[in-house]
Amino acid sequence: MTSRKSEKALEGFKKEYKFIDVTVKPPSKAALKKIIAQTGEPVKKFFNTAGVAFKEMNLKDKIKTMKDAEMIELLASNGLLIKRPLVTDGEKSTVGYKEDLFKKAWKK
């Protein structure tokens, strides 16, 4: 649902975008590192904690002790673990959809 909201918002901001289904084609480790750095958020924020894959893999407690590199490896290996929407223009990035933050980042 939040991906649809973000698409509508981007359309409303007159921003062109290319939709890539990260559940099917997750970003590479290098791309994830860059995106994570651009957001300034910790790697843990990039996990879809409400998702079935996250719960089935029992990651709630495991990620607390994982190193960033291990978490990035895991995210790059399974797109179902990635919190969506993940939006980037190559220079800035956002993860998740919070209307005010999304508007601040992309309505320009």
PDB file of N, CA and C in Angstrom:
ATOM      1  N   MET A   1       0.808  -1.206   0.000  1.00  0.00           N
ATOM      2  CA  MET A   1       0.000   0.000   0.000  1.00  0.00           C
ATOM      3  C   MET A   1       0.849   1.269   0.000  1.00  0.00           C
ATOM      4  N   THR A   2       1.926   1.263   0.787  1.00  0.00           N
ATOM      5  CA  THR A   2       2.730   2.480   0.846  1.00  0.00           C
ATOM      6  C   THR A   2       3.442   2.739  -0.472  1.00  0.00           C
ATOM      7  N   SER A   3       3.730   1.682  -1.224  1.00  0.00           N
ATOM      8  CA  SER A   3       4.352   1.881  -2.534  1.00  0.00           C
ATOM      9  C   SER A   3       3.390   2.606  -3.466  1.00  0.00           C
ATOM     10  N   ARG A   4       2.123   2.241  -3.413  1.00  0.00           N
ATOM     11  CA  ARG A   4       1.127   2.920  -4.250  1.00  0.00           C
ATOM     12  C   ARG A   4       0.990   4.392  -3.844  1.00  0.00           C
ATOM     13  N   LYS A   5       1.017   4.641  -2.547  1.00  0.00           N
ATOM     14  CA  LYS A   5       0.938   6.026  -2.068  1.00  0.00           C
ATOM     15  C   LYS A   5       2.136   6.824  -2.569  1.00  0.00           C
ATOM     16  N   SER A   6       3.295   6.215  -2.534  1.00  0.00           N
ATOM     17  CA  SER A   6       4.492   6.927  -2.978  1.00  0.00           C
ATOM     18  C   SER A   6       4.446   7.168  -4.484  1.00  0.00           C
ATOM     19  N   GLU A   7       3.935   6.215  -5.245  1.00  0.00           N
ATOM     20  CA  GLU A   7       3.798   6.410  -6.695  1.00  0.00           C
ATOM     21  C   GLU A   7       2.850   7.569  -6.994  1.00  0.00           C
ATOM     22  N   LYS A   8       1.714   7.606  -6.294  1.00  0.00           N
ATOM     23  CA  LYS A   8       0.751   8.704  -6.497  1.00  0.00           C
ATOM     24  C   LYS A   8       1.378  10.043  -6.122  1.00  0.00           C
ATOM     25  N   ALA A   9       2.138  10.050  -5.032  1.00  0.00           N
ATOM     26  CA  ALA A   9       2.796  11.283  -4.597  1.00  0.00           C
ATOM     27  C   ALA A   9       3.804  11.744  -5.643  1.00  0.00           C
ATOM     28  N   LEU A  10       4.615  10.834  -6.151  1.00  0.00           N
ATOM     29  CA  LEU A  10       5.608  11.191  -7.166  1.00  0.00           C
ATOM     30  C   LEU A  10       4.931  11.731  -8.428  1.00  0.00           C
ATOM     31  N   GLU A  11       3.832  11.101  -8.803  1.00  0.00           N
ATOM     32  CA  GLU A  11       3.074  11.587  -9.963  1.00  0.00           C
ATOM     33  C   GLU A  11       2.538  12.992  -9.686  1.00  0.00           C
ATOM     34  N   GLY A  12       2.039  13.209  -8.484  1.00  0.00           N
ATOM     35  CA  GLY A  12       1.532  14.527  -8.095  1.00  0.00           C
ATOM     36  C   GLY A  12       2.624  15.586  -8.065  1.00  0.00           C
ATOM     37  N   PHE A  13       3.853  15.168  -7.759  1.00  0.00           N
ATOM     38  CA  PHE A  13       4.994  16.086  -7.743  1.00  0.00           C
ATOM     39  C   PHE A  13       5.586  16.273  -9.139  1.00  0.00           C
ATOM     40  N   LYS A  14       4.986  15.597 -10.119  1.00  0.00           N
ATOM     41  CA  LYS A  14       5.465  15.641 -11.516  1.00  0.00           C
ATOM     42  C   LYS A  14       6.888  15.073 -11.634  1.00  0.00           C
ATOM     43  N   LYS A  15       7.150  14.028 -10.862  1.00  0.00           N
ATOM     44  CA  LYS A  15       8.447  13.361 -10.893  1.00  0.00           C
ATOM     45  C   LYS A  15       8.327  12.103 -11.741  1.00  0.00           C
ATOM     46  N   GLU A  16       9.237  11.960 -12.692  1.00  0.00           N
ATOM     47  CA  GLU A  16       9.279  10.727 -13.462  1.00  0.00           C
ATOM     48  C   GLU A  16       9.958   9.674 -12.602  1.00  0.00           C
ATOM     49  N   TYR A  17       9.522   8.434 -12.729  1.00  0.00           N
ATOM     50  CA  TYR A  17      10.147   7.364 -11.963  1.00  0.00           C
ATOM     51  C   TYR A  17      10.050   6.056 -12.735  1.00  0.00           C
ATOM     52  N   LYS A  18      10.901   5.138 -12.346  1.00  0.00           N
ATOM     53  CA  LYS A  18      10.879   3.795 -12.917  1.00  0.00           C
ATOM     54  C   LYS A  18      10.636   2.843 -11.755  1.00  0.00           C
ATOM     55  N   PHE A  19       9.555   2.087 -11.831  1.00  0.00           N
ATOM     56  CA  PHE A  19       9.217   1.145 -10.766  1.00  0.00           C
ATOM     57  C   PHE A  19      10.039  -0.125 -10.941  1.00  0.00           C
ATOM     58  N   ILE A  20      10.744  -0.508  -9.904  1.00  0.00           N
ATOM     59  CA  ILE A  20      11.482  -1.773  -9.888  1.00  0.00           C
ATOM     60  C   ILE A  20      10.997  -2.545  -8.672  1.00  0.00           C
ATOM     61  N   ASP A  21      10.509  -3.735  -8.909  1.00  0.00           N
ATOM     62  CA  ASP A  21      10.002  -4.570  -7.821  1.00  0.00           C
ATOM     63  C   ASP A  21      11.184  -5.202  -7.086  1.00  0.00           C
ATOM     64  N   VAL A  22      11.549  -4.628  -5.947  1.00  0.00           N
ATOM     65  CA  VAL A  22      12.709  -5.120  -5.197  1.00  0.00           C
ATOM     66  C   VAL A  22      12.475  -6.505  -4.607  1.00  0.00           C
ATOM     67  N   THR A  23      11.219  -6.935  -4.546  1.00  0.00           N
ATOM     68  CA  THR A  23      10.967  -8.287  -4.046  1.00  0.00           C
ATOM     69  C   THR A  23      11.399  -9.322  -5.081  1.00  0.00           C
ATOM     70  N   VAL A  24      11.407  -8.920  -6.341  1.00  0.00           N
ATOM     71  CA  VAL A  24      11.818  -9.799  -7.434  1.00  0.00           C
ATOM     72  C   VAL A  24      13.279  -9.562  -7.800  1.00  0.00           C
ATOM     73  N   LYS A  25      13.677  -8.290  -7.823  1.00  0.00           N
ATOM     74  CA  LYS A  25      15.046  -7.916  -8.203  1.00  0.00           C
ATOM     75  C   LYS A  25      15.622  -6.984  -7.136  1.00  0.00           C
ATOM     76  N   PRO A  26      16.146  -7.550  -6.049  1.00  0.00           N
ATOM     77  CA  PRO A  26      16.685  -6.706  -4.983  1.00  0.00           C
ATOM     78  C   PRO A  26      17.936  -5.959  -5.448  1.00  0.00           C
ATOM     79  N   PRO A  27      18.182  -4.784  -4.884  1.00  0.00           N
ATOM     80  CA  PRO A  27      19.386  -4.030  -5.223  1.00  0.00           C
ATOM     81  C   PRO A  27      20.643  -4.806  -4.806  1.00  0.00           C
ATOM     82  N   SER A  28      21.746  -4.530  -5.479  1.00  0.00           N
ATOM     83  CA  SER A  28      23.022  -5.153  -5.127  1.00  0.00           C
ATOM     84  C   SER A  28      23.502  -4.624  -3.778  1.00  0.00           C
ATOM     85  N   LYS A  29      24.496  -5.293  -3.235  1.00  0.00           N
ATOM     86  CA  LYS A  29      25.077  -4.831  -1.969  1.00  0.00           C
ATOM     87  C   LYS A  29      25.624  -3.418  -2.129  1.00  0.00           C
ATOM     88  N   ALA A  30      26.307  -3.153  -3.247  1.00  0.00           N
ATOM     89  CA  ALA A  30      26.888  -1.818  -3.481  1.00  0.00           C
ATOM     90  C   ALA A  30      25.790  -0.762  -3.573  1.00  0.00           C
ATOM     91  N   ALA A  31      24.709  -1.079  -4.281  1.00  0.00           N
ATOM     92  CA  ALA A  31      23.600  -0.128  -4.406  1.00  0.00           C
ATOM     93  C   ALA A  31      22.956   0.120  -3.049  1.00  0.00           C
ATOM     94  N   LEU A  32      22.764  -0.923  -2.271  1.00  0.00           N
ATOM     95  CA  LEU A  32      22.176  -0.773  -0.941  1.00  0.00           C
ATOM     96  C   LEU A  32      23.058   0.089  -0.036  1.00  0.00           C
ATOM     97  N   LYS A  33      24.370  -0.150  -0.080  1.00  0.00           N
ATOM     98  CA  LYS A  33      25.291   0.654   0.738  1.00  0.00           C
ATOM     99  C   LYS A  33      25.137   2.133   0.410  1.00  0.00           C
ATOM    100  N   LYS A  34      25.079   2.444  -0.886  1.00  0.00           N
ATOM    101  CA  LYS A  34      24.957   3.832  -1.320  1.00  0.00           C
ATOM    102  C   LYS A  34      23.629   4.428  -0.864  1.00  0.00           C
ATOM    103  N   ILE A  35      22.545   3.698  -1.067  1.00  0.00           N
ATOM    104  CA  ILE A  35      21.210   4.168  -0.686  1.00  0.00           C
ATOM    105  C   ILE A  35      21.129   4.394   0.829  1.00  0.00           C
ATOM    106  N   ILE A  36      21.633   3.446   1.575  1.00  0.00           N
ATOM    107  CA  ILE A  36      21.610   3.549   3.036  1.00  0.00           C
ATOM    108  C   ILE A  36      22.390   4.777   3.493  1.00  0.00           C
ATOM    109  N   ALA A  37      23.559   4.983   2.910  1.00  0.00           N
ATOM    110  CA  ALA A  37      24.374   6.151   3.264  1.00  0.00           C
ATOM    111  C   ALA A  37      23.637   7.450   2.935  1.00  0.00           C
ATOM    112  N   GLN A  38      22.934   7.474   1.804  1.00  0.00           N
ATOM    113  CA  GLN A  38      22.216   8.685   1.396  1.00  0.00           C
ATOM    114  C   GLN A  38      21.067   9.022   2.339  1.00  0.00           C
ATOM    115  N   THR A  39      20.448   8.020   2.924  1.00  0.00           N
ATOM    116  CA  THR A  39      19.324   8.293   3.824  1.00  0.00           C
ATOM    117  C   THR A  39      19.786   8.744   5.199  1.00  0.00           C
ATOM    118  N   GLY A  40      20.973   8.295   5.602  1.00  0.00           N
ATOM    119  CA  GLY A  40      21.446   8.599   6.946  1.00  0.00           C
ATOM    120  C   GLY A  40      20.790   7.726   8.007  1.00  0.00           C
ATOM    121  N   GLU A  41      19.997   6.765   7.573  1.00  0.00           N
ATOM    122  CA  GLU A  41      19.304   5.860   8.499  1.00  0.00           C
ATOM    123  C   GLU A  41      20.186   4.643   8.793  1.00  0.00           C
ATOM    124  N   PRO A  42      19.992   4.016   9.957  1.00  0.00           N
ATOM    125  CA  PRO A  42      20.726   2.775  10.235  1.00  0.00           C
ATOM    126  C   PRO A  42      20.207   1.643   9.335  1.00  0.00           C
ATOM    127  N   VAL A  43      21.046   0.680   9.076  1.00  0.00           N
ATOM    128  CA  VAL A  43      20.685  -0.445   8.190  1.00  0.00           C
ATOM    129  C   VAL A  43      19.423  -1.145   8.686  1.00  0.00           C
ATOM    130  N   LYS A  44      19.244  -1.248   9.989  1.00  0.00           N
ATOM    131  CA  LYS A  44      18.071  -1.935  10.553  1.00  0.00           C
ATOM    132  C   LYS A  44      16.757  -1.346  10.050  1.00  0.00           C
ATOM    133  N   LYS A  45      16.751  -0.058   9.714  1.00  0.00           N
ATOM    134  CA  LYS A  45      15.531   0.607   9.227  1.00  0.00           C
ATOM    135  C   LYS A  45      15.106   0.096   7.857  1.00  0.00           C
ATOM    136  N   PHE A  46      15.976  -0.624   7.173  1.00  0.00           N
ATOM    137  CA  PHE A  46      15.692  -1.096   5.825  1.00  0.00           C
ATOM    138  C   PHE A  46      15.014  -2.464   5.799  1.00  0.00           C
ATOM    139  N   PHE A  47      14.768  -3.029   6.975  1.00  0.00           N
ATOM    140  CA  PHE A  47      14.092  -4.318   7.040  1.00  0.00           C
ATOM    141  C   PHE A  47      12.582  -4.141   7.111  1.00  0.00           C
ATOM    142  N   ASN A  48      11.881  -4.934   6.328  1.00  0.00           N
ATOM    143  CA  ASN A  48      10.424  -4.982   6.350  1.00  0.00           C
ATOM    144  C   ASN A  48      10.026  -5.876   7.530  1.00  0.00           C
ATOM    145  N   THR A  49       9.976  -5.285   8.707  1.00  0.00           N
ATOM    146  CA  THR A  49       9.750  -6.055   9.934  1.00  0.00           C
ATOM    147  C   THR A  49       8.343  -6.640  10.025  1.00  0.00           C
ATOM    148  N   ALA A  50       7.428  -6.135   9.210  1.00  0.00           N
ATOM    149  CA  ALA A  50       6.060  -6.668   9.212  1.00  0.00           C
ATOM    150  C   ALA A  50       5.904  -7.807   8.205  1.00  0.00           C
ATOM    151  N   GLY A  51       6.933  -8.059   7.417  1.00  0.00           N
ATOM    152  CA  GLY A  51       6.840  -9.059   6.357  1.00  0.00           C
ATOM    153  C   GLY A  51       6.959 -10.485   6.851  1.00  0.00           C
ATOM    154  N   VAL A  52       6.398 -11.384   6.072  1.00  0.00           N
ATOM    155  CA  VAL A  52       6.407 -12.815   6.390  1.00  0.00           C
ATOM    156  C   VAL A  52       7.837 -13.354   6.426  1.00  0.00           C
ATOM    157  N   ALA A  53       8.657 -12.970   5.445  1.00  0.00           N
ATOM    158  CA  ALA A  53      10.036 -13.476   5.378  1.00  0.00           C
ATOM    159  C   ALA A  53      10.819 -13.100   6.637  1.00  0.00           C
ATOM    160  N   PHE A  54      10.655 -11.863   7.097  1.00  0.00           N
ATOM    161  CA  PHE A  54      11.345 -11.393   8.297  1.00  0.00           C
ATOM    162  C   PHE A  54      10.951 -12.253   9.499  1.00  0.00           C
ATOM    163  N   LYS A  55       9.666 -12.516   9.607  1.00  0.00           N
ATOM    164  CA  LYS A  55       9.168 -13.302  10.742  1.00  0.00           C
ATOM    165  C   LYS A  55       9.571 -14.764  10.631  1.00  0.00           C
ATOM    166  N   GLU A  56       9.481 -15.331   9.422  1.00  0.00           N
ATOM    167  CA  GLU A  56       9.838 -16.740   9.226  1.00  0.00           C
ATOM    168  C   GLU A  56      11.313 -16.991   9.516  1.00  0.00           C
ATOM    169  N   MET A  57      12.144 -15.993   9.227  1.00  0.00           N
ATOM    170  CA  MET A  57      13.582 -16.138   9.450  1.00  0.00           C
ATOM    171  C   MET A  57      13.979 -15.772  10.880  1.00  0.00           C
ATOM    172  N   ASN A  58      12.983 -15.413  11.699  1.00  0.00           N
ATOM    173  CA  ASN A  58      13.245 -15.069  13.102  1.00  0.00           C
ATOM    174  C   ASN A  58      14.303 -13.982  13.241  1.00  0.00           C
ATOM    175  N   LEU A  59      14.169 -12.914  12.474  1.00  0.00           N
ATOM    176  CA  LEU A  59      15.209 -11.893  12.427  1.00  0.00           C
ATOM    177  C   LEU A  59      15.085 -10.815  13.505  1.00  0.00           C
ATOM    178  N   LYS A  60      13.969 -10.751  14.180  1.00  0.00           N
ATOM    179  CA  LYS A  60      13.761  -9.688  15.176  1.00  0.00           C
ATOM    180  C   LYS A  60      14.935  -9.580  16.147  1.00  0.00           C
ATOM    181  N   ASP A  61      15.327 -10.686  16.713  1.00  0.00           N
ATOM    182  CA  ASP A  61      16.431 -10.670  17.676  1.00  0.00           C
ATOM    183  C   ASP A  61      17.790 -10.781  16.990  1.00  0.00           C
ATOM    184  N   LYS A  62      17.837 -11.492  15.879  1.00  0.00           N
ATOM    185  CA  LYS A  62      19.111 -11.710  15.180  1.00  0.00           C
ATOM    186  C   LYS A  62      19.733 -10.411  14.687  1.00  0.00           C
ATOM    187  N   ILE A  63      18.912  -9.482  14.146  1.00  0.00           N
ATOM    188  CA  ILE A  63      19.514  -8.268  13.577  1.00  0.00           C
ATOM    189  C   ILE A  63      20.096  -7.342  14.643  1.00  0.00           C
ATOM    190  N   LYS A  64      19.694  -7.555  15.884  1.00  0.00           N
ATOM    191  CA  LYS A  64      20.226  -6.721  16.964  1.00  0.00           C
ATOM    192  C   LYS A  64      21.732  -6.905  17.130  1.00  0.00           C
ATOM    193  N   THR A  65      22.230  -8.087  16.790  1.00  0.00           N
ATOM    194  CA  THR A  65      23.652  -8.378  16.985  1.00  0.00           C
ATOM    195  C   THR A  65      24.424  -8.492  15.666  1.00  0.00           C
ATOM    196  N   MET A  66      23.737  -8.329  14.546  1.00  0.00           N
ATOM    197  CA  MET A  66      24.399  -8.446  13.243  1.00  0.00           C
ATOM    198  C   MET A  66      25.182  -7.173  12.914  1.00  0.00           C
ATOM    199  N   LYS A  67      26.273  -7.351  12.215  1.00  0.00           N
ATOM    200  CA  LYS A  67      27.049  -6.224  11.707  1.00  0.00           C
ATOM    201  C   LYS A  67      26.338  -5.675  10.467  1.00  0.00           C
ATOM    202  N   ASP A  68      26.589  -4.395  10.154  1.00  0.00           N
ATOM    203  CA  ASP A  68      25.960  -3.763   8.991  1.00  0.00           C
ATOM    204  C   ASP A  68      26.185  -4.568   7.719  1.00  0.00           C
ATOM    205  N   ALA A  69      27.412  -5.032   7.508  1.00  0.00           N
ATOM    206  CA  ALA A  69      27.735  -5.790   6.292  1.00  0.00           C
ATOM    207  C   ALA A  69      26.893  -7.061   6.190  1.00  0.00           C
ATOM    208  N   GLU A  70      26.658  -7.721   7.309  1.00  0.00           N
ATOM    209  CA  GLU A  70      25.833  -8.937   7.321  1.00  0.00           C
ATOM    210  C   GLU A  70      24.380  -8.605   6.969  1.00  0.00           C
ATOM    211  N   MET A  71      23.883  -7.501   7.520  1.00  0.00           N
ATOM    212  CA  MET A  71      22.506  -7.103   7.232  1.00  0.00           C
ATOM    213  C   MET A  71      22.343  -6.724   5.762  1.00  0.00           C
ATOM    214  N   ILE A  72      23.314  -6.007   5.221  1.00  0.00           N
ATOM    215  CA  ILE A  72      23.252  -5.614   3.810  1.00  0.00           C
ATOM    216  C   ILE A  72      23.290  -6.848   2.918  1.00  0.00           C
ATOM    217  N   GLU A  73      24.123  -7.794   3.251  1.00  0.00           N
ATOM    218  CA  GLU A  73      24.209  -9.066   2.509  1.00  0.00           C
ATOM    219  C   GLU A  73      22.849  -9.760   2.511  1.00  0.00           C
ATOM    220  N   LEU A  74      22.213  -9.802   3.654  1.00  0.00           N
ATOM    221  CA  LEU A  74      20.903 -10.435   3.794  1.00  0.00           C
ATOM    222  C   LEU A  74      19.843  -9.707   2.968  1.00  0.00           C
ATOM    223  N   LEU A  75      19.822  -8.384   3.048  1.00  0.00           N
ATOM    224  CA  LEU A  75      18.859  -7.584   2.282  1.00  0.00           C
ATOM    225  C   LEU A  75      19.050  -7.780   0.777  1.00  0.00           C
ATOM    226  N   ALA A  76      20.305  -7.814   0.335  1.00  0.00           N
ATOM    227  CA  ALA A  76      20.602  -7.972  -1.094  1.00  0.00           C
ATOM    228  C   ALA A  76      20.236  -9.372  -1.599  1.00  0.00           C
ATOM    229  N   SER A  77      20.199 -10.335  -0.681  1.00  0.00           N
ATOM    230  CA  SER A  77      19.905 -11.714  -1.080  1.00  0.00           C
ATOM    231  C   SER A  77      18.417 -12.038  -1.092  1.00  0.00           C
ATOM    232  N   ASN A  78      17.592 -11.178  -0.448  1.00  0.00           N
ATOM    233  CA  ASN A  78      16.162 -11.470  -0.356  1.00  0.00           C
ATOM    234  C   ASN A  78      15.370 -10.157  -0.327  1.00  0.00           C
ATOM    235  N   GLY A  79      14.848  -9.784  -1.478  1.00  0.00           N
ATOM    236  CA  GLY A  79      14.111  -8.531  -1.601  1.00  0.00           C
ATOM    237  C   GLY A  79      12.865  -8.446  -0.747  1.00  0.00           C
ATOM    238  N   LEU A  80      12.339  -9.591  -0.316  1.00  0.00           N
ATOM    239  CA  LEU A  80      11.161  -9.575   0.553  1.00  0.00           C
ATOM    240  C   LEU A  80      11.485  -8.975   1.918  1.00  0.00           C
ATOM    241  N   LEU A  81      12.759  -8.919   2.256  1.00  0.00           N
ATOM    242  CA  LEU A  81      13.170  -8.369   3.545  1.00  0.00           C
ATOM    243  C   LEU A  81      13.284  -6.850   3.524  1.00  0.00           C
ATOM    244  N   ILE A  82      13.269  -6.257   2.329  1.00  0.00           N
ATOM    245  CA  ILE A  82      13.493  -4.823   2.197  1.00  0.00           C
ATOM    246  C   ILE A  82      12.206  -4.030   2.423  1.00  0.00           C
ATOM    247  N   LYS A  83      12.309  -3.043   3.286  1.00  0.00           N
ATOM    248  CA  LYS A  83      11.185  -2.135   3.543  1.00  0.00           C
ATOM    249  C   LYS A  83      10.913  -1.321   2.277  1.00  0.00           C
ATOM    250  N   ARG A  84       9.662  -1.176   1.959  1.00  0.00           N
ATOM    251  CA  ARG A  84       9.275  -0.449   0.757  1.00  0.00           C
ATOM    252  C   ARG A  84       8.348   0.693   1.115  1.00  0.00           C
ATOM    253  N   PRO A  85       8.321   1.717   0.296  1.00  0.00           N
ATOM    254  CA  PRO A  85       9.080   1.912  -0.933  1.00  0.00           C
ATOM    255  C   PRO A  85      10.507   2.364  -0.643  1.00  0.00           C
ATOM    256  N   LEU A  86      11.367   1.982  -1.546  1.00  0.00           N
ATOM    257  CA  LEU A  86      12.752   2.408  -1.535  1.00  0.00           C
ATOM    258  C   LEU A  86      12.892   3.305  -2.762  1.00  0.00           C
ATOM    259  N   VAL A  87      13.103   4.600  -2.533  1.00  0.00           N
ATOM    260  CA  VAL A  87      13.132   5.569  -3.632  1.00  0.00           C
ATOM    261  C   VAL A  87      14.486   6.257  -3.674  1.00  0.00           C
ATOM    262  N   THR A  88      15.061   6.321  -4.873  1.00  0.00           N
ATOM    263  CA  THR A  88      16.342   7.002  -5.040  1.00  0.00           C
ATOM    264  C   THR A  88      16.412   7.659  -6.409  1.00  0.00           C
ATOM    265  N   ASP A  89      17.120   8.763  -6.451  1.00  0.00           N
ATOM    266  CA  ASP A  89      17.390   9.402  -7.744  1.00  0.00           C
ATOM    267  C   ASP A  89      18.887   9.352  -8.037  1.00  0.00           C
ATOM    268  N   GLY A  90      19.606   8.582  -7.258  1.00  0.00           N
ATOM    269  CA  GLY A  90      21.040   8.460  -7.418  1.00  0.00           C
ATOM    270  C   GLY A  90      21.829   9.409  -6.524  1.00  0.00           C
ATOM    271  N   GLU A  91      21.166  10.470  -6.076  1.00  0.00           N
ATOM    272  CA  GLU A  91      21.828  11.444  -5.208  1.00  0.00           C
ATOM    273  C   GLU A  91      21.228  11.482  -3.807  1.00  0.00           C
ATOM    274  N   LYS A  92      19.930  11.225  -3.728  1.00  0.00           N
ATOM    275  CA  LYS A  92      19.274  11.137  -2.416  1.00  0.00           C
ATOM    276  C   LYS A  92      18.331   9.938  -2.454  1.00  0.00           C
ATOM    277  N   SER A  93      17.998   9.452  -1.272  1.00  0.00           N
ATOM    278  CA  SER A  93      17.163   8.258  -1.164  1.00  0.00           C
ATOM    279  C   SER A  93      16.259   8.350   0.054  1.00  0.00           C
ATOM    280  N   THR A  94      15.144   7.638  -0.011  1.00  0.00           N
ATOM    281  CA  THR A  94      14.253   7.500   1.136  1.00  0.00           C
ATOM    282  C   THR A  94      13.817   6.038   1.238  1.00  0.00           C
ATOM    283  N   VAL A  95      13.474   5.641   2.445  1.00  0.00           N
ATOM    284  CA  VAL A  95      12.951   4.294   2.668  1.00  0.00           C
ATOM    285  C   VAL A  95      11.664   4.424   3.475  1.00  0.00           C
ATOM    286  N   GLY A  96      10.647   3.668   3.070  1.00  0.00           N
ATOM    287  CA  GLY A  96       9.350   3.755   3.718  1.00  0.00           C
ATOM    288  C   GLY A  96       8.590   4.975   3.238  1.00  0.00           C
ATOM    289  N   TYR A  97       7.343   5.069   3.660  1.00  0.00           N
ATOM    290  CA  TYR A  97       6.527   6.211   3.245  1.00  0.00           C
ATOM    291  C   TYR A  97       5.922   6.892   4.461  1.00  0.00           C
ATOM    292  N   LYS A  98       6.426   8.060   4.745  1.00  0.00           N
ATOM    293  CA  LYS A  98       5.821   8.956   5.723  1.00  0.00           C
ATOM    294  C   LYS A  98       5.571  10.230   4.937  1.00  0.00           C
ATOM    295  N   GLU A  99       4.311  10.602   4.807  1.00  0.00           N
ATOM    296  CA  GLU A  99       3.914  11.661   3.892  1.00  0.00           C
ATOM    297  C   GLU A  99       4.756  12.930   4.008  1.00  0.00           C
ATOM    298  N   ASP A 100       4.946  13.431   5.221  1.00  0.00           N
ATOM    299  CA  ASP A 100       5.681  14.684   5.382  1.00  0.00           C
ATOM    300  C   ASP A 100       7.144  14.561   4.958  1.00  0.00           C
ATOM    301  N   LEU A 101       7.795  13.471   5.338  1.00  0.00           N
ATOM    302  CA  LEU A 101       9.192  13.272   4.962  1.00  0.00           C
ATOM    303  C   LEU A 101       9.337  13.019   3.468  1.00  0.00           C
ATOM    304  N   PHE A 102       8.391  12.274   2.917  1.00  0.00           N
ATOM    305  CA  PHE A 102       8.410  11.976   1.486  1.00  0.00           C
ATOM    306  C   PHE A 102       8.251  13.265   0.685  1.00  0.00           C
ATOM    307  N   LYS A 103       7.316  14.091   1.108  1.00  0.00           N
ATOM    308  CA  LYS A 103       7.075  15.368   0.433  1.00  0.00           C
ATOM    309  C   LYS A 103       8.309  16.259   0.509  1.00  0.00           C
ATOM    310  N   LYS A 104       8.927  16.318   1.683  1.00  0.00           N
ATOM    311  CA  LYS A 104      10.125  17.134   1.867  1.00  0.00           C
ATOM    312  C   LYS A 104      11.254  16.680   0.938  1.00  0.00           C
ATOM    313  N   ALA A 105      11.391  15.378   0.778  1.00  0.00           N
ATOM    314  CA  ALA A 105      12.487  14.839  -0.040  1.00  0.00           C
ATOM    315  C   ALA A 105      12.244  14.971  -1.539  1.00  0.00           C
ATOM    316  N   TRP A 106      10.994  14.780  -1.978  1.00  0.00           N
ATOM    317  CA  TRP A 106      10.752  14.622  -3.405  1.00  0.00           C
ATOM    318  C   TRP A 106       9.906  15.713  -4.078  1.00  0.00           C
ATOM    319  N   LYS A 107       9.301  16.624  -3.311  1.00  0.00           N
ATOM    320  CA  LYS A 107       8.476  17.665  -3.940  1.00  0.00           C
ATOM    321  C   LYS A 107       9.336  18.906  -4.185  1.00  0.00           C
ATOM    322  N   LYS A 108      10.045  18.891  -5.299  1.00  0.00           N
ATOM    323  CA  LYS A 108      10.911  20.030  -5.652  1.00  0.00           C
ATOM    324  C   LYS A 108      10.919  20.219  -7.132  1.00  0.00           C
TER     325      LYS A 108
END
